[in-house]
Amino acid sequence: MSSYLVTGGAGFIGANLTELLLTDPSNKVVIVDDLS
């Protein structure tokens, strides 16, 4: 099990990176974004 913190998760790169990380169900992903 791996844990990841994605900053800027609402943006294009962050959203695609998050989708890639979540293809492995054992990964834990936390997304942080200020939506600016």
C-alpha atoms as a PDB file:
ATOM      1  CA  MET A   1       0.000   0.000   0.000  1.00  0.00           C
ATOM      2  CA  SER A   2       1.354   3.393  -0.999  1.00  0.00           C
ATOM      3  CA  SER A   3       0.127   6.828   0.018  1.00  0.00           C
ATOM      4  CA  TYR A   4       0.249   9.854  -2.269  1.00  0.00           C
ATOM      5  CA  LEU A   5      -0.440  13.556  -1.783  1.00  0.00           C
ATOM      6  CA  VAL A   6      -1.443  15.268  -5.028  1.00  0.00           C
ATOM      7  CA  THR A   7      -1.312  19.065  -4.923  1.00  0.00           C
ATOM      8  CA  GLY A   8      -3.307  20.802  -7.635  1.00  0.00           C
ATOM      9  CA  GLY A   9      -5.556  17.775  -8.016  1.00  0.00           C
ATOM     10  CA  ALA A  10      -8.365  19.732  -9.694  1.00  0.00           C
ATOM     11  CA  GLY A  11      -6.155  20.741 -12.616  1.00  0.00           C
ATOM     12  CA  PHE A  12      -5.537  18.787 -15.808  1.00  0.00           C
ATOM     13  CA  ILE A  13      -2.262  17.160 -14.784  1.00  0.00           C
ATOM     14  CA  GLY A  14      -3.333  16.532 -11.195  1.00  0.00           C
ATOM     15  CA  ALA A  15      -6.627  14.949 -12.227  1.00  0.00           C
ATOM     16  CA  ASN A  16      -4.958  12.632 -14.726  1.00  0.00           C
ATOM     17  CA  LEU A  17      -2.214  11.709 -12.260  1.00  0.00           C
ATOM     18  CA  THR A  18      -4.859  10.912  -9.640  1.00  0.00           C
ATOM     19  CA  GLU A  19      -6.745   8.671 -12.056  1.00  0.00           C
ATOM     20  CA  LEU A  20      -3.517   6.826 -12.840  1.00  0.00           C
ATOM     21  CA  LEU A  21      -2.670   6.363  -9.156  1.00  0.00           C
ATOM     22  CA  LEU A  22      -6.173   5.072  -8.393  1.00  0.00           C
ATOM     23  CA  THR A  23      -5.894   2.259 -10.947  1.00  0.00           C
ATOM     24  CA  ASP A  24      -4.211   0.326  -8.119  1.00  0.00           C
ATOM     25  CA  PRO A  25      -6.892  -0.166  -5.444  1.00  0.00           C
ATOM     26  CA  SER A  26      -4.269  -0.503  -2.703  1.00  0.00           C
ATOM     27  CA  ASN A  27      -3.082   3.097  -3.207  1.00  0.00           C
ATOM     28  CA  LYS A  28      -4.300   5.829  -0.877  1.00  0.00           C
ATOM     29  CA  VAL A  29      -4.548   9.239  -2.585  1.00  0.00           C
ATOM     30  CA  VAL A  30      -5.168  12.594  -0.901  1.00  0.00           C
ATOM     31  CA  ILE A  31      -5.900  15.598  -3.145  1.00  0.00           C
ATOM     32  CA  VAL A  32      -5.289  19.215  -2.119  1.00  0.00           C
ATOM     33  CA  ASP A  33      -6.242  22.177  -4.310  1.00  0.00           C
ATOM     34  CA  ASP A  34      -7.157  25.808  -3.620  1.00  0.00           C
ATOM     35  CA  LEU A  35      -9.176  26.072  -6.874  1.00  0.00           C
ATOM     36  CA  SER A  36      -7.523  29.345  -7.855  1.00  0.00           C
END
